[in-house]
Amino acid sequence: LIYLPPYSPDFNPIEQAFHSIKAWLRRHEADAMQPEARPWLIHQAAMSITPESAEGWILNCGYFFE
């Protein structure tokens, strides 16, 4: 078991996921002007993450799995 420093974004795949979600939302900024559409847009942004992307982020952070 190896403990990470308290805040280590380079070793945390969720940081890369948040980056991807925020980039998706920036590309759809015009739609986000409607407050009632925001929850749907956040859901769509999260659903745009592919398993391949998630696996790449995990490997990029130095984690390995079999």
N, C-alpha and C. Protein backbone atom coordinates (compact mmCIF):
# COMPACT_ATOMS: atom_id res chain seq x y z
N LEU A 1 0.85 -1.18 0.00
CA LEU A 1 0.00 0.00 0.00
C LEU A 1 0.89 1.23 0.00
N ILE A 2 0.65 2.12 -0.95
CA ILE A 2 1.43 3.35 -1.05
C ILE A 2 0.46 4.52 -0.91
N TYR A 3 0.75 5.39 0.05
CA TYR A 3 -0.10 6.56 0.26
C TYR A 3 0.37 7.70 -0.62
N LEU A 4 -0.58 8.45 -1.13
CA LEU A 4 -0.28 9.61 -1.96
C LEU A 4 -0.27 10.87 -1.10
N PRO A 5 0.42 11.92 -1.56
CA PRO A 5 0.34 13.20 -0.85
C PRO A 5 -1.12 13.68 -0.83
N PRO A 6 -1.47 14.58 0.11
CA PRO A 6 -2.86 15.01 0.26
C PRO A 6 -3.53 15.48 -1.04
N TYR A 7 -2.85 16.29 -1.82
CA TYR A 7 -3.44 16.73 -3.09
C TYR A 7 -2.44 16.46 -4.19
N SER A 8 -2.68 15.44 -4.97
CA SER A 8 -1.78 15.04 -6.05
C SER A 8 -2.57 14.87 -7.35
N PRO A 9 -2.88 15.94 -8.04
CA PRO A 9 -3.70 15.81 -9.25
C PRO A 9 -3.04 14.96 -10.34
N ASP A 10 -1.71 14.89 -10.33
CA ASP A 10 -1.03 14.08 -11.34
C ASP A 10 -1.25 12.59 -11.14
N PHE A 11 -1.64 12.20 -9.92
CA PHE A 11 -1.86 10.79 -9.62
C PHE A 11 -3.33 10.45 -9.42
N ASN A 12 -4.21 11.38 -9.80
CA ASN A 12 -5.64 11.20 -9.56
C ASN A 12 -6.41 11.25 -10.88
N PRO A 13 -6.87 10.11 -11.38
CA PRO A 13 -7.57 10.09 -12.68
C PRO A 13 -8.83 10.96 -12.73
N ILE A 14 -9.46 11.21 -11.59
CA ILE A 14 -10.69 12.01 -11.60
C ILE A 14 -10.41 13.43 -12.07
N GLU A 15 -9.20 13.92 -11.84
CA GLU A 15 -8.85 15.27 -12.29
C GLU A 15 -8.90 15.34 -13.82
N GLN A 16 -8.45 14.29 -14.49
CA GLN A 16 -8.51 14.26 -15.95
C GLN A 16 -9.95 14.12 -16.43
N ALA A 17 -10.76 13.40 -15.67
CA ALA A 17 -12.18 13.28 -16.02
C ALA A 17 -12.87 14.64 -15.89
N PHE A 18 -12.58 15.37 -14.80
CA PHE A 18 -13.17 16.70 -14.64
C PHE A 18 -12.73 17.62 -15.78
N HIS A 19 -11.48 17.52 -16.18
CA HIS A 19 -10.98 18.33 -17.29
C HIS A 19 -11.78 18.03 -18.57
N SER A 20 -12.02 16.77 -18.83
CA SER A 20 -12.77 16.37 -20.01
C SER A 20 -14.21 16.88 -19.96
N ILE A 21 -14.84 16.78 -18.80
CA ILE A 21 -16.22 17.25 -18.63
C ILE A 21 -16.29 18.76 -18.84
N LYS A 22 -15.34 19.50 -18.24
CA LYS A 22 -15.35 20.95 -18.39
C LYS A 22 -15.10 21.37 -19.83
N ALA A 23 -14.23 20.64 -20.53
CA ALA A 23 -13.97 20.95 -21.94
C ALA A 23 -15.23 20.72 -22.77
N TRP A 24 -15.95 19.64 -22.48
CA TRP A 24 -17.20 19.35 -23.20
C TRP A 24 -18.21 20.47 -22.95
N LEU A 25 -18.31 20.91 -21.70
CA LEU A 25 -19.26 21.98 -21.37
C LEU A 25 -18.88 23.30 -22.04
N ARG A 26 -17.57 23.58 -22.15
CA ARG A 26 -17.14 24.80 -22.84
C ARG A 26 -17.53 24.75 -24.32
N ARG A 27 -17.45 23.57 -24.93
CA ARG A 27 -17.83 23.44 -26.35
C ARG A 27 -19.33 23.64 -26.54
N HIS A 28 -20.11 23.43 -25.50
CA HIS A 28 -21.57 23.57 -25.58
C HIS A 28 -22.05 24.74 -24.71
N GLU A 29 -21.23 25.76 -24.63
CA GLU A 29 -21.51 26.90 -23.76
C GLU A 29 -22.82 27.61 -24.11
N ALA A 30 -23.13 27.71 -25.37
CA ALA A 30 -24.36 28.40 -25.79
C ALA A 30 -25.59 27.72 -25.19
N ASP A 31 -25.58 26.39 -25.15
CA ASP A 31 -26.72 25.66 -24.58
C ASP A 31 -26.82 25.87 -23.07
N ALA A 32 -25.68 26.13 -22.42
CA ALA A 32 -25.66 26.26 -20.96
C ALA A 32 -26.25 27.59 -20.48
N MET A 33 -26.59 28.47 -21.40
CA MET A 33 -27.19 29.74 -21.01
C MET A 33 -28.60 29.55 -20.46
N GLN A 34 -29.21 28.42 -20.76
CA GLN A 34 -30.54 28.12 -20.24
C GLN A 34 -30.38 27.32 -18.94
N PRO A 35 -30.72 27.91 -17.79
CA PRO A 35 -30.52 27.22 -16.51
C PRO A 35 -31.18 25.85 -16.42
N GLU A 36 -32.34 25.69 -17.05
CA GLU A 36 -33.04 24.40 -16.95
C GLU A 36 -32.31 23.31 -17.73
N ALA A 37 -31.43 23.68 -18.66
CA ALA A 37 -30.70 22.68 -19.46
C ALA A 37 -29.41 22.23 -18.79
N ARG A 38 -28.96 22.93 -17.76
CA ARG A 38 -27.65 22.64 -17.17
C ARG A 38 -27.52 21.23 -16.60
N PRO A 39 -28.48 20.73 -15.83
CA PRO A 39 -28.32 19.35 -15.33
C PRO A 39 -28.21 18.33 -16.47
N TRP A 40 -28.99 18.54 -17.52
CA TRP A 40 -28.93 17.63 -18.66
C TRP A 40 -27.56 17.72 -19.35
N LEU A 41 -27.03 18.93 -19.48
CA LEU A 41 -25.72 19.11 -20.12
C LEU A 41 -24.61 18.45 -19.30
N ILE A 42 -24.68 18.58 -17.98
CA ILE A 42 -23.68 17.94 -17.13
C ILE A 42 -23.76 16.43 -17.29
N HIS A 43 -24.97 15.91 -17.35
CA HIS A 43 -25.15 14.47 -17.55
C HIS A 43 -24.56 14.05 -18.90
N GLN A 44 -24.85 14.81 -19.94
CA GLN A 44 -24.34 14.48 -21.27
C GLN A 44 -22.81 14.55 -21.30
N ALA A 45 -22.25 15.53 -20.61
CA ALA A 45 -20.78 15.65 -20.55
C ALA A 45 -20.17 14.44 -19.87
N ALA A 46 -20.77 13.99 -18.78
CA ALA A 46 -20.26 12.81 -18.08
C ALA A 46 -20.42 11.56 -18.94
N MET A 47 -21.52 11.47 -19.68
CA MET A 47 -21.75 10.30 -20.52
C MET A 47 -20.82 10.28 -21.74
N SER A 48 -20.21 11.41 -22.05
CA SER A 48 -19.30 11.45 -23.20
C SER A 48 -17.95 10.79 -22.90
N ILE A 49 -17.71 10.47 -21.64
CA ILE A 49 -16.46 9.81 -21.26
C ILE A 49 -16.55 8.33 -21.65
N THR A 50 -15.60 7.90 -22.44
CA THR A 50 -15.59 6.51 -22.89
C THR A 50 -14.77 5.64 -21.93
N PRO A 51 -15.04 4.34 -21.90
CA PRO A 51 -14.21 3.45 -21.08
C PRO A 51 -12.74 3.51 -21.48
N GLU A 52 -12.48 3.70 -22.77
CA GLU A 52 -11.10 3.79 -23.23
C GLU A 52 -10.41 5.03 -22.66
N SER A 53 -11.14 6.15 -22.59
CA SER A 53 -10.58 7.37 -22.00
C SER A 53 -10.27 7.15 -20.53
N ALA A 54 -11.22 6.56 -19.81
CA ALA A 54 -11.01 6.32 -18.38
C ALA A 54 -9.81 5.40 -18.15
N GLU A 55 -9.70 4.36 -18.96
CA GLU A 55 -8.56 3.45 -18.82
C GLU A 55 -7.25 4.19 -19.10
N GLY A 56 -7.25 5.04 -20.10
CA GLY A 56 -6.05 5.82 -20.42
C GLY A 56 -5.65 6.74 -19.28
N TRP A 57 -6.63 7.38 -18.64
CA TRP A 57 -6.32 8.26 -17.51
C TRP A 57 -5.73 7.48 -16.35
N ILE A 58 -6.28 6.30 -16.10
CA ILE A 58 -5.77 5.46 -15.01
C ILE A 58 -4.33 5.06 -15.30
N LEU A 59 -4.06 4.63 -16.52
CA LEU A 59 -2.70 4.24 -16.88
C LEU A 59 -1.76 5.44 -16.87
N ASN A 60 -2.25 6.59 -17.31
CA ASN A 60 -1.44 7.81 -17.33
C ASN A 60 -1.02 8.23 -15.92
N CYS A 61 -1.82 7.91 -14.93
CA CYS A 61 -1.50 8.25 -13.55
C CYS A 61 -0.55 7.24 -12.92
N GLY A 62 -0.21 6.20 -13.65
CA GLY A 62 0.75 5.23 -13.15
C GLY A 62 0.14 4.03 -12.48
N TYR A 63 -1.17 3.87 -12.57
CA TYR A 63 -1.83 2.70 -12.00
C TYR A 63 -1.90 1.60 -13.04
N PHE A 64 -1.71 0.38 -12.61
CA PHE A 64 -1.78 -0.77 -13.51
C PHE A 64 -2.77 -1.77 -12.97
N PHE A 65 -3.46 -2.44 -13.85
CA PHE A 65 -4.41 -3.46 -13.43
C PHE A 65 -4.39 -4.58 -14.45
N GLU A 66 -4.84 -5.72 -14.00
CA GLU A 66 -4.84 -6.90 -14.87
C GLU A 66 -6.24 -7.30 -15.24
